[in-house]
Amino acid sequence: MSNIFIQTDHNDPEYAFFDKYRKVIFKGLWTPAKYQRLIEGEVAECQRLPRVDKETINKCILAVAMVEDKVKTFWSNIANDYPQTIIGDVGGLFAYTEVVHRISYAQLMESLYINPQDVKLYPVLNDRINYLTKYLKYAKTDGVESDFIEQRRKLKKLCLFTTLVEKCSLFTQFYILMSFAKNDKGLKSISSLQQSTAIEENIHYTFGLDIINIIKNQNPNLWDNYVIELVEKNIKAAYKAELKLIDWFFEEGVPDHLSKKEVVNFLNYNFNIVCNDLGLDLNFDFDKKYFDEVNHWFVLKTTAPVEPDFFMNAVGSYSSSDEQYNLDELQF
């Protein structure tokens, strides 16, 4: 049996199935230009919204932008931990998508006059940044530790990044921002950006989960009580931080087409998915009937089909084939 931690001199066929991730990203390549010009046309529309709506929108965009600014290096470095050719290929493509996300949200903040320096004013945002950024540190060793300890550290980092950064930390904001277009309150282009980003984050999450499951199969001794307890502890801490963020989003009130119950139910669903996928004995209760009636629309819009050309049908013309722009006019 191959070992995903050990470098081979060729593209190991055991990991050939990862090529589906490379293909789907190639199919859906886009640039910030796709949404830049569309969103600029929605600025006036956004400014006409009630104050409560604008406050919620601005806070959600700031929260997403701060995370997107922190994740660019993880995927580009993943082959350092798992030196397989195809993993390096996919990681490089994922790194490209994260750069596109970062630039797109930076442009969105600029268009809506959101100051990224405002993050310093909000302890709840700093708490999130602190709990997320510690998972981005490279799992270095001092040359003394055994392979077991080093590999276990890499697994821990992958678990926490995949679940908390790629799945749990952003999706309530995507949900809130996309809800405006769903309820005919405008912001269709901003909603399209959330949809495109969420689809890709879901793909990143699934890829990370595939690697985790391979490690569990090849090296079951690494998934020991130490790792399980540490992952569970950090998931619980992340959940508390995300609940505080929801309170902050709605500090000035809740947009009339939403409810806090709806958003918290969706948050609980996401955390429950992560725990089930990792096989953890953790449960975040959510109302299944309420989810099916109120929340499920988001899953339908952000779950990519199996076919590698699913991006071609995404909202906002996800394919980049029809993009026309002047590079000199773009502000990167």
C-alpha atoms as a PDB file:
ATOM      1  CA  MET A   1       0.000   0.000   0.000  1.00  0.00           C
ATOM      2  CA  SER A   2       1.197   3.510  -0.785  1.00  0.00           C
ATOM      3  CA  ASN A   3       1.808   6.067   1.929  1.00  0.00           C
ATOM      4  CA  ILE A   4       0.493   9.533   1.158  1.00  0.00           C
ATOM      5  CA  PHE A   5       3.241  11.082   3.316  1.00  0.00           C
ATOM      6  CA  ILE A   6       6.053   9.511   1.242  1.00  0.00           C
ATOM      7  CA  GLN A   7       7.151  11.085  -2.025  1.00  0.00           C
ATOM      8  CA  THR A   8       7.152   8.918  -5.143  1.00  0.00           C
ATOM      9  CA  ASP A   9       9.093   9.383  -8.375  1.00  0.00           C
ATOM     10  CA  HIS A  10       5.961   9.320 -10.469  1.00  0.00           C
ATOM     11  CA  ASN A  11       2.310  10.262 -10.398  1.00  0.00           C
ATOM     12  CA  ASP A  12       1.091   7.407  -8.213  1.00  0.00           C
ATOM     13  CA  PRO A  13      -2.007   5.836  -9.856  1.00  0.00           C
ATOM     14  CA  GLU A  14      -3.456   5.144  -6.403  1.00  0.00           C
ATOM     15  CA  TYR A  15      -4.305   8.853  -6.193  1.00  0.00           C
ATOM     16  CA  ALA A  16      -5.485   9.241  -9.794  1.00  0.00           C
ATOM     17  CA  PHE A  17      -9.061   9.863  -8.626  1.00  0.00           C
ATOM     18  CA  PHE A  18      -7.924  13.271  -7.346  1.00  0.00           C
ATOM     19  CA  ASP A  19      -7.777  14.333 -10.991  1.00  0.00           C
ATOM     20  CA  LYS A  20     -11.522  15.077 -10.790  1.00  0.00           C
ATOM     21  CA  TYR A  21     -10.660  18.121  -8.656  1.00  0.00           C
ATOM     22  CA  ARG A  22      -8.141  19.366 -11.180  1.00  0.00           C
ATOM     23  CA  LYS A  23     -10.648  18.993 -14.007  1.00  0.00           C
ATOM     24  CA  VAL A  24     -13.496  20.763 -12.218  1.00  0.00           C
ATOM     25  CA  ILE A  25     -11.326  23.753 -11.318  1.00  0.00           C
ATOM     26  CA  PHE A  26     -10.020  24.009 -14.884  1.00  0.00           C
ATOM     27  CA  LYS A  27     -13.611  23.984 -16.133  1.00  0.00           C
ATOM     28  CA  GLY A  28     -14.646  26.780 -13.801  1.00  0.00           C
ATOM     29  CA  LEU A  29     -11.656  29.127 -13.932  1.00  0.00           C
ATOM     30  CA  TRP A  30     -12.718  32.743 -13.535  1.00  0.00           C
ATOM     31  CA  THR A  31     -11.165  36.077 -12.656  1.00  0.00           C
ATOM     32  CA  PRO A  32     -12.230  38.966 -10.403  1.00  0.00           C
ATOM     33  CA  ALA A  33     -13.238  40.860 -13.545  1.00  0.00           C
ATOM     34  CA  LYS A  34     -16.368  38.716 -13.833  1.00  0.00           C
ATOM     35  CA  TYR A  35     -17.984  40.264 -10.769  1.00  0.00           C
ATOM     36  CA  GLN A  36     -16.136  43.565 -10.526  1.00  0.00           C
ATOM     37  CA  ARG A  37     -18.122  45.390 -13.177  1.00  0.00           C
ATOM     38  CA  LEU A  38     -21.427  43.734 -12.229  1.00  0.00           C
ATOM     39  CA  ILE A  39     -21.128  44.627  -8.548  1.00  0.00           C
ATOM     40  CA  GLU A  40     -20.215  48.214  -9.312  1.00  0.00           C
ATOM     41  CA  GLY A  41     -23.668  48.497 -10.877  1.00  0.00           C
ATOM     42  CA  GLU A  42     -25.301  47.372  -7.619  1.00  0.00           C
ATOM     43  CA  VAL A  43     -23.687  49.905  -5.305  1.00  0.00           C
ATOM     44  CA  ALA A  44     -26.584  52.380  -5.547  1.00  0.00           C
ATOM     45  CA  GLU A  45     -29.063  49.543  -5.043  1.00  0.00           C
ATOM     46  CA  CYS A  46     -27.244  48.492  -1.889  1.00  0.00           C
ATOM     47  CA  GLN A  47     -27.155  52.033  -0.536  1.00  0.00           C
ATOM     48  CA  ARG A  48     -30.960  52.288  -0.833  1.00  0.00           C
ATOM     49  CA  LEU A  49     -31.514  49.338   1.492  1.00  0.00           C
ATOM     50  CA  PRO A  50     -32.650  49.891   5.103  1.00  0.00           C
ATOM     51  CA  ARG A  51     -29.884  50.655   7.596  1.00  0.00           C
ATOM     52  CA  VAL A  52     -30.244  47.268   9.302  1.00  0.00           C
ATOM     53  CA  ASP A  53     -29.761  45.495   5.966  1.00  0.00           C
ATOM     54  CA  LYS A  54     -26.711  47.559   5.047  1.00  0.00           C
ATOM     55  CA  GLU A  55     -25.138  46.993   8.456  1.00  0.00           C
ATOM     56  CA  THR A  56     -25.587  43.226   8.166  1.00  0.00           C
ATOM     57  CA  ILE A  57     -24.253  43.156   4.600  1.00  0.00           C
ATOM     58  CA  ASN A  58     -21.166  45.184   5.441  1.00  0.00           C
ATOM     59  CA  LYS A  59     -20.324  43.063   8.468  1.00  0.00           C
ATOM     60  CA  CYS A  60     -20.736  39.818   6.537  1.00  0.00           C
ATOM     61  CA  ILE A  61     -18.543  41.044   3.673  1.00  0.00           C
ATOM     62  CA  LEU A  62     -15.860  42.213   6.086  1.00  0.00           C
ATOM     63  CA  ALA A  63     -15.941  38.846   7.897  1.00  0.00           C
ATOM     64  CA  VAL A  64     -15.575  36.883   4.643  1.00  0.00           C
ATOM     65  CA  ALA A  65     -12.857  39.156   3.280  1.00  0.00           C
ATOM     66  CA  MET A  66     -10.736  38.754   6.387  1.00  0.00           C
ATOM     67  CA  VAL A  67     -10.805  34.954   6.096  1.00  0.00           C
ATOM     68  CA  GLU A  68     -10.135  34.989   2.350  1.00  0.00           C
ATOM     69  CA  ASP A  69      -7.091  37.138   3.058  1.00  0.00           C
ATOM     70  CA  LYS A  70      -5.644  34.468   5.365  1.00  0.00           C
ATOM     71  CA  VAL A  71      -5.971  31.235   3.390  1.00  0.00           C
ATOM     72  CA  LYS A  72      -3.992  31.870   0.212  1.00  0.00           C
ATOM     73  CA  THR A  73      -0.869  29.978   1.298  1.00  0.00           C
ATOM     74  CA  PHE A  74      -2.363  26.760   2.698  1.00  0.00           C
ATOM     75  CA  TRP A  75      -3.175  25.022  -0.561  1.00  0.00           C
ATOM     76  CA  SER A  76      -0.024  26.160  -2.354  1.00  0.00           C
ATOM     77  CA  ASN A  77       2.031  24.488   0.393  1.00  0.00           C
ATOM     78  CA  ILE A  78       0.036  21.287   0.796  1.00  0.00           C
ATOM     79  CA  ALA A  79       2.506  19.197  -1.212  1.00  0.00           C
ATOM     80  CA  ASN A  80       5.075  19.899   1.514  1.00  0.00           C
ATOM     81  CA  ASP A  81       2.954  17.739   3.814  1.00  0.00           C
ATOM     82  CA  TYR A  82       1.615  15.267   1.226  1.00  0.00           C
ATOM     83  CA  PRO A  83       4.235  15.069  -1.573  1.00  0.00           C
ATOM     84  CA  GLN A  84       2.107  13.476  -4.278  1.00  0.00           C
ATOM     85  CA  THR A  85       2.168  14.984  -7.768  1.00  0.00           C
ATOM     86  CA  ILE A  86      -1.594  15.239  -8.161  1.00  0.00           C
ATOM     87  CA  ILE A  87      -2.015  16.744  -4.675  1.00  0.00           C
ATOM     88  CA  GLY A  88       0.486  19.445  -5.606  1.00  0.00           C
ATOM     89  CA  ASP A  89      -1.400  20.086  -8.849  1.00  0.00           C
ATOM     90  CA  VAL A  90      -4.759  20.403  -7.110  1.00  0.00           C
ATOM     91  CA  GLY A  91      -3.254  22.506  -4.325  1.00  0.00           C
ATOM     92  CA  GLY A  92      -1.817  24.928  -6.867  1.00  0.00           C
ATOM     93  CA  LEU A  93      -5.176  25.316  -8.581  1.00  0.00           C
ATOM     94  CA  PHE A  94      -6.955  25.781  -5.259  1.00  0.00           C
ATOM     95  CA  ALA A  95      -4.383  28.439  -4.352  1.00  0.00           C
ATOM     96  CA  TYR A  96      -5.323  30.273  -7.566  1.00  0.00           C
ATOM     97  CA  THR A  97      -9.001  30.214  -6.626  1.00  0.00           C
ATOM     98  CA  GLU A  98      -8.188  31.606  -3.182  1.00  0.00           C
ATOM     99  CA  VAL A  99      -6.282  34.495  -4.760  1.00  0.00           C
ATOM    100  CA  VAL A 100      -9.311  35.182  -6.971  1.00  0.00           C
ATOM    101  CA  HIS A 101     -11.555  35.119  -3.900  1.00  0.00           C
ATOM    102  CA  ARG A 102      -9.301  37.505  -2.001  1.00  0.00           C
ATOM    103  CA  ILE A 103      -9.133  40.014  -4.852  1.00  0.00           C
ATOM    104  CA  SER A 104     -12.871  39.778  -5.511  1.00  0.00           C
ATOM    105  CA  TYR A 105     -13.779  40.513  -1.892  1.00  0.00           C
ATOM    106  CA  ALA A 106     -11.200  43.296  -1.669  1.00  0.00           C
ATOM    107  CA  GLN A 107     -12.852  44.901  -4.696  1.00  0.00           C
ATOM    108  CA  LEU A 108     -16.284  44.339  -3.179  1.00  0.00           C
ATOM    109  CA  MET A 109     -15.240  46.118   0.022  1.00  0.00           C
ATOM    110  CA  GLU A 110     -13.828  48.996  -1.988  1.00  0.00           C
ATOM    111  CA  SER A 111     -17.011  49.316  -4.053  1.00  0.00           C
ATOM    112  CA  LEU A 112     -19.173  49.442  -0.914  1.00  0.00           C
ATOM    113  CA  TYR A 113     -16.765  51.738   0.968  1.00  0.00           C
ATOM    114  CA  ILE A 114     -15.976  49.123   3.600  1.00  0.00           C
ATOM    115  CA  ASN A 115     -12.657  49.831   5.296  1.00  0.00           C
ATOM    116  CA  PRO A 116     -10.677  46.590   5.912  1.00  0.00           C
ATOM    117  CA  GLN A 117      -8.914  48.337   8.795  1.00  0.00           C
ATOM    118  CA  ASP A 118     -12.244  48.304  10.633  1.00  0.00           C
ATOM    119  CA  VAL A 119     -11.526  44.711  11.583  1.00  0.00           C
ATOM    120  CA  LYS A 120      -9.379  46.120  14.407  1.00  0.00           C
ATOM    121  CA  LEU A 121     -12.488  47.702  15.927  1.00  0.00           C
ATOM    122  CA  TYR A 122     -14.339  44.432  16.450  1.00  0.00           C
ATOM    123  CA  PRO A 123     -12.999  41.936  19.039  1.00  0.00           C
ATOM    124  CA  VAL A 124     -15.360  39.256  17.726  1.00  0.00           C
ATOM    125  CA  LEU A 125     -13.655  39.387  14.315  1.00  0.00           C
ATOM    126  CA  ASN A 126     -10.215  39.308  15.856  1.00  0.00           C
ATOM    127  CA  ASP A 127     -11.254  36.238  17.862  1.00  0.00           C
ATOM    128  CA  ARG A 128     -12.178  34.464  14.662  1.00  0.00           C
ATOM    129  CA  ILE A 129      -8.955  35.455  12.918  1.00  0.00           C
ATOM    130  CA  ASN A 130      -6.953  34.203  15.888  1.00  0.00           C
ATOM    131  CA  TYR A 131      -8.636  30.802  16.022  1.00  0.00           C
ATOM    132  CA  LEU A 132      -8.335  30.314  12.269  1.00  0.00           C
ATOM    133  CA  THR A 133      -4.801  31.516  11.598  1.00  0.00           C
ATOM    134  CA  LYS A 134      -3.201  29.109  14.049  1.00  0.00           C
ATOM    135  CA  TYR A 135      -4.279  26.270  11.757  1.00  0.00           C
ATOM    136  CA  LEU A 136      -2.307  27.753   8.856  1.00  0.00           C
ATOM    137  CA  LYS A 137       1.101  27.312  10.445  1.00  0.00           C
ATOM    138  CA  TYR A 138       3.303  24.780   8.732  1.00  0.00           C
ATOM    139  CA  ALA A 139       3.811  21.609  10.745  1.00  0.00           C
ATOM    140  CA  LYS A 140       7.561  21.954  11.252  1.00  0.00           C
ATOM    141  CA  THR A 141       9.687  19.620  13.305  1.00  0.00           C
ATOM    142  CA  ASP A 142      13.083  20.076  14.914  1.00  0.00           C
ATOM    143  CA  GLY A 143      14.502  16.884  13.480  1.00  0.00           C
ATOM    144  CA  VAL A 144      14.098  14.992  16.755  1.00  0.00           C
ATOM    145  CA  GLU A 145      10.433  14.050  16.595  1.00  0.00           C
ATOM    146  CA  SER A 146       9.411  10.712  15.151  1.00  0.00           C
ATOM    147  CA  ASP A 147       7.597  10.325  11.837  1.00  0.00           C
ATOM    148  CA  PHE A 148       4.522   9.398  13.817  1.00  0.00           C
ATOM    149  CA  ILE A 149       4.395  12.693  15.731  1.00  0.00           C
ATOM    150  CA  GLU A 150       5.175  14.742  12.626  1.00  0.00           C
ATOM    151  CA  GLN A 151       2.512  13.004  10.544  1.00  0.00           C
ATOM    152  CA  ARG A 152      -0.032  13.278  13.336  1.00  0.00           C
ATOM    153  CA  ARG A 153       0.611  17.024  13.504  1.00  0.00           C
ATOM    154  CA  LYS A 154       0.065  17.326   9.744  1.00  0.00           C
ATOM    155  CA  LEU A 155      -3.196  15.392  10.021  1.00  0.00           C
ATOM    156  CA  LYS A 156      -4.374  17.630  12.852  1.00  0.00           C
ATOM    157  CA  LYS A 157      -3.611  20.755  10.821  1.00  0.00           C
ATOM    158  CA  LEU A 158      -5.417  19.399   7.760  1.00  0.00           C
ATOM    159  CA  CYS A 159      -8.491  18.422   9.810  1.00  0.00           C
ATOM    160  CA  LEU A 160      -8.830  21.815  11.447  1.00  0.00           C
ATOM    161  CA  PHE A 161      -8.158  23.824   8.297  1.00  0.00           C
ATOM    162  CA  THR A 162     -10.471  21.737   6.130  1.00  0.00           C
ATOM    163  CA  THR A 163     -13.377  21.814   8.566  1.00  0.00           C
ATOM    164  CA  LEU A 164     -13.123  25.215  10.221  1.00  0.00           C
ATOM    165  CA  VAL A 165     -11.712  27.427   7.464  1.00  0.00           C
ATOM    166  CA  GLU A 166     -13.217  25.796   4.389  1.00  0.00           C
ATOM    167  CA  LYS A 167     -16.571  24.704   5.762  1.00  0.00           C
ATOM    168  CA  CYS A 168     -17.664  26.235   9.054  1.00  0.00           C
ATOM    169  CA  SER A 169     -16.353  29.786   9.132  1.00  0.00           C
ATOM    170  CA  LEU A 170     -17.788  31.336   5.970  1.00  0.00           C
ATOM    171  CA  PHE A 171     -21.053  29.665   5.112  1.00  0.00           C
ATOM    172  CA  THR A 172     -23.341  31.610   7.428  1.00  0.00           C
ATOM    173  CA  GLN A 173     -22.135  34.800   5.744  1.00  0.00           C
ATOM    174  CA  PHE A 174     -22.661  33.300   2.295  1.00  0.00           C
ATOM    175  CA  TYR A 175     -26.147  32.294   3.435  1.00  0.00           C
ATOM    176  CA  ILE A 176     -27.048  35.750   4.721  1.00  0.00           C
ATOM    177  CA  LEU A 177     -25.694  37.575   1.662  1.00  0.00           C
ATOM    178  CA  MET A 178     -27.363  35.228  -0.834  1.00  0.00           C
ATOM    179  CA  SER A 179     -30.684  35.500   1.019  1.00  0.00           C
ATOM    180  CA  PHE A 180     -31.226  39.042  -0.298  1.00  0.00           C
ATOM    181  CA  ALA A 181     -31.428  37.933  -3.935  1.00  0.00           C
ATOM    182  CA  LYS A 182     -33.445  34.854  -2.972  1.00  0.00           C
ATOM    183  CA  ASN A 183     -36.039  37.115  -1.354  1.00  0.00           C
ATOM    184  CA  ASP A 184     -36.119  39.600  -4.265  1.00  0.00           C
ATOM    185  CA  LYS A 185     -34.257  42.316  -2.381  1.00  0.00           C
ATOM    186  CA  GLY A 186     -31.652  42.810  -5.108  1.00  0.00           C
ATOM    187  CA  LEU A 187     -27.879  42.227  -4.892  1.00  0.00           C
ATOM    188  CA  LYS A 188     -27.984  39.511  -7.550  1.00  0.00           C
ATOM    189  CA  SER A 189     -24.341  39.969  -8.563  1.00  0.00           C
ATOM    190  CA  ILE A 190     -23.157  40.009  -4.969  1.00  0.00           C
ATOM    191  CA  SER A 191     -25.187  36.845  -4.438  1.00  0.00           C
ATOM    192  CA  SER A 192     -23.572  35.277  -7.507  1.00  0.00           C
ATOM    193  CA  LEU A 193     -20.123  35.964  -6.079  1.00  0.00           C
ATOM    194  CA  GLN A 194     -21.136  34.214  -2.836  1.00  0.00           C
ATOM    195  CA  GLN A 195     -22.471  31.263  -4.781  1.00  0.00           C
ATOM    196  CA  SER A 196     -19.313  30.869  -6.875  1.00  0.00           C
ATOM    197  CA  THR A 197     -17.104  31.166  -3.806  1.00  0.00           C
ATOM    198  CA  ALA A 198     -19.211  28.740  -1.764  1.00  0.00           C
ATOM    199  CA  ILE A 199     -19.162  26.113  -4.532  1.00  0.00           C
ATOM    200  CA  GLU A 200     -15.385  26.258  -4.617  1.00  0.00           C
ATOM    201  CA  GLU A 201     -15.048  26.187  -0.835  1.00  0.00           C
ATOM    202  CA  ASN A 202     -17.217  23.063  -0.808  1.00  0.00           C
ATOM    203  CA  ILE A 203     -14.874  21.485  -3.367  1.00  0.00           C
ATOM    204  CA  HIS A 204     -11.868  22.400  -1.217  1.00  0.00           C
ATOM    205  CA  TYR A 205     -13.559  20.858   1.809  1.00  0.00           C
ATOM    206  CA  THR A 206     -14.315  17.611  -0.031  1.00  0.00           C
ATOM    207  CA  PHE A 207     -10.729  17.343  -1.277  1.00  0.00           C
ATOM    208  CA  GLY A 208      -9.356  17.857   2.228  1.00  0.00           C
ATOM    209  CA  LEU A 209     -11.782  15.251   3.553  1.00  0.00           C
ATOM    210  CA  ASP A 210     -10.626  12.756   0.907  1.00  0.00           C
ATOM    211  CA  ILE A 211      -7.020  13.189   2.054  1.00  0.00           C
ATOM    212  CA  ILE A 212      -8.070  12.758   5.689  1.00  0.00           C
ATOM    213  CA  ASN A 213      -9.890   9.523   4.871  1.00  0.00           C
ATOM    214  CA  ILE A 214      -6.871   8.205   2.939  1.00  0.00           C
ATOM    215  CA  ILE A 215      -4.659   8.899   5.967  1.00  0.00           C
ATOM    216  CA  LYS A 216      -7.115   7.123   8.262  1.00  0.00           C
ATOM    217  CA  ASN A 217      -7.094   4.106   5.948  1.00  0.00           C
ATOM    218  CA  GLN A 218      -3.323   3.983   5.370  1.00  0.00           C
ATOM    219  CA  ASN A 219      -2.249   5.021   8.879  1.00  0.00           C
ATOM    220  CA  PRO A 220      -5.134   4.275  11.287  1.00  0.00           C
ATOM    221  CA  ASN A 221      -2.834   4.704  14.290  1.00  0.00           C
ATOM    222  CA  LEU A 222      -2.551   8.447  13.536  1.00  0.00           C
ATOM    223  CA  TRP A 223      -6.266   8.979  14.192  1.00  0.00           C
ATOM    224  CA  ASP A 224      -5.828   8.374  17.897  1.00  0.00           C
ATOM    225  CA  ASN A 225      -7.564   9.740  20.974  1.00  0.00           C
ATOM    226  CA  TYR A 226      -5.158  12.673  21.141  1.00  0.00           C
ATOM    227  CA  VAL A 227      -6.088  13.899  17.657  1.00  0.00           C
ATOM    228  CA  ILE A 228      -9.794  13.209  18.136  1.00  0.00           C
ATOM    229  CA  GLU A 229      -9.955  15.082  21.441  1.00  0.00           C
ATOM    230  CA  LEU A 230      -7.962  18.015  20.074  1.00  0.00           C
ATOM    231  CA  VAL A 231     -10.138  18.315  16.956  1.00  0.00           C
ATOM    232  CA  GLU A 232     -13.329  18.104  19.028  1.00  0.00           C
ATOM    233  CA  LYS A 233     -12.034  20.746  21.453  1.00  0.00           C
ATOM    234  CA  ASN A 234     -11.242  23.155  18.626  1.00  0.00           C
ATOM    235  CA  ILE A 235     -14.556  22.557  16.864  1.00  0.00           C
ATOM    236  CA  LYS A 236     -16.403  23.406  20.089  1.00  0.00           C
ATOM    237  CA  ALA A 237     -14.357  26.606  20.475  1.00  0.00           C
ATOM    238  CA  ALA A 238     -14.989  27.537  16.853  1.00  0.00           C
ATOM    239  CA  TYR A 239     -18.724  27.020  17.282  1.00  0.00           C
ATOM    240  CA  LYS A 240     -18.830  29.442  20.212  1.00  0.00           C
ATOM    241  CA  ALA A 241     -16.904  32.026  18.181  1.00  0.00           C
ATOM    242  CA  GLU A 242     -19.264  31.660  15.208  1.00  0.00           C
ATOM    243  CA  LEU A 243     -22.334  32.094  17.424  1.00  0.00           C
ATOM    244  CA  LYS A 244     -20.855  35.360  18.701  1.00  0.00           C
ATOM    245  CA  LEU A 245     -20.331  36.472  15.114  1.00  0.00           C
ATOM    246  CA  ILE A 246     -24.003  35.883  14.302  1.00  0.00           C
ATOM    247  CA  ASP A 247     -24.924  38.046  17.295  1.00  0.00           C
ATOM    248  CA  TRP A 248     -22.583  40.707  15.905  1.00  0.00           C
ATOM    249  CA  PHE A 249     -24.021  40.512  12.377  1.00  0.00           C
ATOM    250  CA  PHE A 250     -27.476  41.224  13.809  1.00  0.00           C
ATOM    251  CA  GLU A 251     -26.367  43.648  16.519  1.00  0.00           C
ATOM    252  CA  GLU A 252     -28.375  46.476  14.930  1.00  0.00           C
ATOM    253  CA  GLY A 253     -31.310  44.235  14.058  1.00  0.00           C
ATOM    254  CA  VAL A 254     -32.209  41.391  11.710  1.00  0.00           C
ATOM    255  CA  PRO A 255     -33.227  42.032   8.062  1.00  0.00           C
ATOM    256  CA  ASP A 256     -36.969  41.467   7.756  1.00  0.00           C
ATOM    257  CA  HIS A 257     -36.602  38.519   5.367  1.00  0.00           C
ATOM    258  CA  LEU A 258     -34.377  36.610   7.819  1.00  0.00           C
ATOM    259  CA  SER A 259     -34.457  35.369  11.396  1.00  0.00           C
ATOM    260  CA  LYS A 260     -31.642  34.578  13.779  1.00  0.00           C
ATOM    261  CA  LYS A 261     -33.217  31.144  14.314  1.00  0.00           C
ATOM    262  CA  GLU A 262     -32.851  30.444  10.596  1.00  0.00           C
ATOM    263  CA  VAL A 263     -29.162  31.377  10.510  1.00  0.00           C
ATOM    264  CA  VAL A 264     -28.280  29.493  13.715  1.00  0.00           C
ATOM    265  CA  ASN A 265     -30.099  26.406  12.440  1.00  0.00           C
ATOM    266  CA  PHE A 266     -27.991  26.574   9.289  1.00  0.00           C
ATOM    267  CA  LEU A 267     -24.814  27.001  11.362  1.00  0.00           C
ATOM    268  CA  ASN A 268     -25.691  23.934  13.433  1.00  0.00           C
ATOM    269  CA  TYR A 269     -26.343  21.945  10.265  1.00  0.00           C
ATOM    270  CA  ASN A 270     -22.881  22.828   8.929  1.00  0.00           C
ATOM    271  CA  PHE A 271     -21.100  21.901  12.139  1.00  0.00           C
ATOM    272  CA  ASN A 272     -23.067  18.676  12.318  1.00  0.00           C
ATOM    273  CA  ILE A 273     -22.034  17.784   8.758  1.00  0.00           C
ATOM    274  CA  VAL A 274     -18.372  18.280   9.659  1.00  0.00           C
ATOM    275  CA  CYS A 275     -18.622  16.111  12.782  1.00  0.00           C
ATOM    276  CA  ASN A 276     -20.411  13.346  10.887  1.00  0.00           C
ATOM    277  CA  ASP A 277     -17.854  13.455   8.059  1.00  0.00           C
ATOM    278  CA  LEU A 278     -14.978  13.107  10.521  1.00  0.00           C
ATOM    279  CA  GLY A 279     -16.758  10.411  12.511  1.00  0.00           C
ATOM    280  CA  LEU A 280     -16.699  12.461  15.715  1.00  0.00           C
ATOM    281  CA  ASP A 281     -18.982  11.868  18.665  1.00  0.00           C
ATOM    282  CA  LEU A 282     -20.204  15.471  18.580  1.00  0.00           C
ATOM    283  CA  ASN A 283     -23.682  16.647  17.759  1.00  0.00           C
ATOM    284  CA  PHE A 284     -24.986  20.123  17.035  1.00  0.00           C
ATOM    285  CA  ASP A 285     -28.755  19.915  17.126  1.00  0.00           C
ATOM    286  CA  PHE A 286     -30.651  21.385  14.230  1.00  0.00           C
ATOM    287  CA  ASP A 287     -34.301  21.196  13.330  1.00  0.00           C
ATOM    288  CA  LYS A 288     -34.394  18.906  10.281  1.00  0.00           C
ATOM    289  CA  LYS A 289     -37.967  19.769   9.299  1.00  0.00           C
ATOM    290  CA  TYR A 290     -37.263  23.490   9.654  1.00  0.00           C
ATOM    291  CA  PHE A 291     -34.041  23.060   7.678  1.00  0.00           C
ATOM    292  CA  ASP A 292     -35.838  21.371   4.796  1.00  0.00           C
ATOM    293  CA  GLU A 293     -38.470  24.107   4.708  1.00  0.00           C
ATOM    294  CA  VAL A 294     -36.303  27.181   5.302  1.00  0.00           C
ATOM    295  CA  ASN A 295     -32.567  26.472   4.835  1.00  0.00           C
ATOM    296  CA  HIS A 296     -32.331  23.840   2.124  1.00  0.00           C
ATOM    297  CA  TRP A 297     -32.405  26.308  -0.775  1.00  0.00           C
ATOM    298  CA  PHE A 298     -28.787  27.239   0.001  1.00  0.00           C
ATOM    299  CA  VAL A 299     -27.576  23.644  -0.266  1.00  0.00           C
ATOM    300  CA  LEU A 300     -29.236  23.301  -3.660  1.00  0.00           C
ATOM    301  CA  LYS A 301     -27.499  26.441  -4.926  1.00  0.00           C
ATOM    302  CA  THR A 302     -24.017  25.658  -3.632  1.00  0.00           C
ATOM    303  CA  THR A 303     -23.588  21.903  -4.029  1.00  0.00           C
ATOM    304  CA  ALA A 304     -21.715  21.104  -7.213  1.00  0.00           C
ATOM    305  CA  PRO A 305     -23.035  18.196  -9.319  1.00  0.00           C
ATOM    306  CA  VAL A 306     -20.747  15.252  -9.983  1.00  0.00           C
ATOM    307  CA  GLU A 307     -20.178  16.244 -13.596  1.00  0.00           C
ATOM    308  CA  PRO A 308     -16.971  18.264 -14.084  1.00  0.00           C
ATOM    309  CA  ASP A 309     -18.747  20.909 -16.173  1.00  0.00           C
ATOM    310  CA  PHE A 310     -21.149  21.983 -13.410  1.00  0.00           C
ATOM    311  CA  PHE A 311     -19.602  25.469 -13.290  1.00  0.00           C
ATOM    312  CA  MET A 312     -20.961  26.228 -16.738  1.00  0.00           C
ATOM    313  CA  ASN A 313     -24.482  26.512 -15.301  1.00  0.00           C
ATOM    314  CA  ALA A 314     -23.666  28.551 -12.207  1.00  0.00           C
ATOM    315  CA  VAL A 315     -25.339  31.866 -11.458  1.00  0.00           C
ATOM    316  CA  GLY A 316     -23.508  34.839 -12.889  1.00  0.00           C
ATOM    317  CA  SER A 317     -22.064  32.918 -15.874  1.00  0.00           C
ATOM    318  CA  TYR A 318     -19.401  31.171 -13.848  1.00  0.00           C
ATOM    319  CA  SER A 319     -17.436  30.116 -16.928  1.00  0.00           C
ATOM    320  CA  SER A 320     -14.739  32.620 -17.856  1.00  0.00           C
ATOM    321  CA  SER A 321     -15.070  31.984 -21.602  1.00  0.00           C
ATOM    322  CA  ASP A 322     -17.151  35.115 -22.223  1.00  0.00           C
ATOM    323  CA  GLU A 323     -15.101  37.519 -20.114  1.00  0.00           C
ATOM    324  CA  GLN A 324     -13.872  40.605 -21.921  1.00  0.00           C
ATOM    325  CA  TYR A 325     -11.927  43.216 -20.057  1.00  0.00           C
ATOM    326  CA  ASN A 326      -9.027  45.619 -20.259  1.00  0.00           C
ATOM    327  CA  LEU A 327      -6.278  44.706 -17.786  1.00  0.00           C
ATOM    328  CA  ASP A 328      -5.343  48.375 -17.445  1.00  0.00           C
ATOM    329  CA  GLU A 329      -8.808  49.109 -16.044  1.00  0.00           C
ATOM    330  CA  LEU A 330      -8.630  46.530 -13.251  1.00  0.00           C
ATOM    331  CA  GLN A 331      -7.502  47.443  -9.759  1.00  0.00           C
ATOM    332  CA  PHE A 332      -5.652  44.485  -8.263  1.00  0.00           C
END
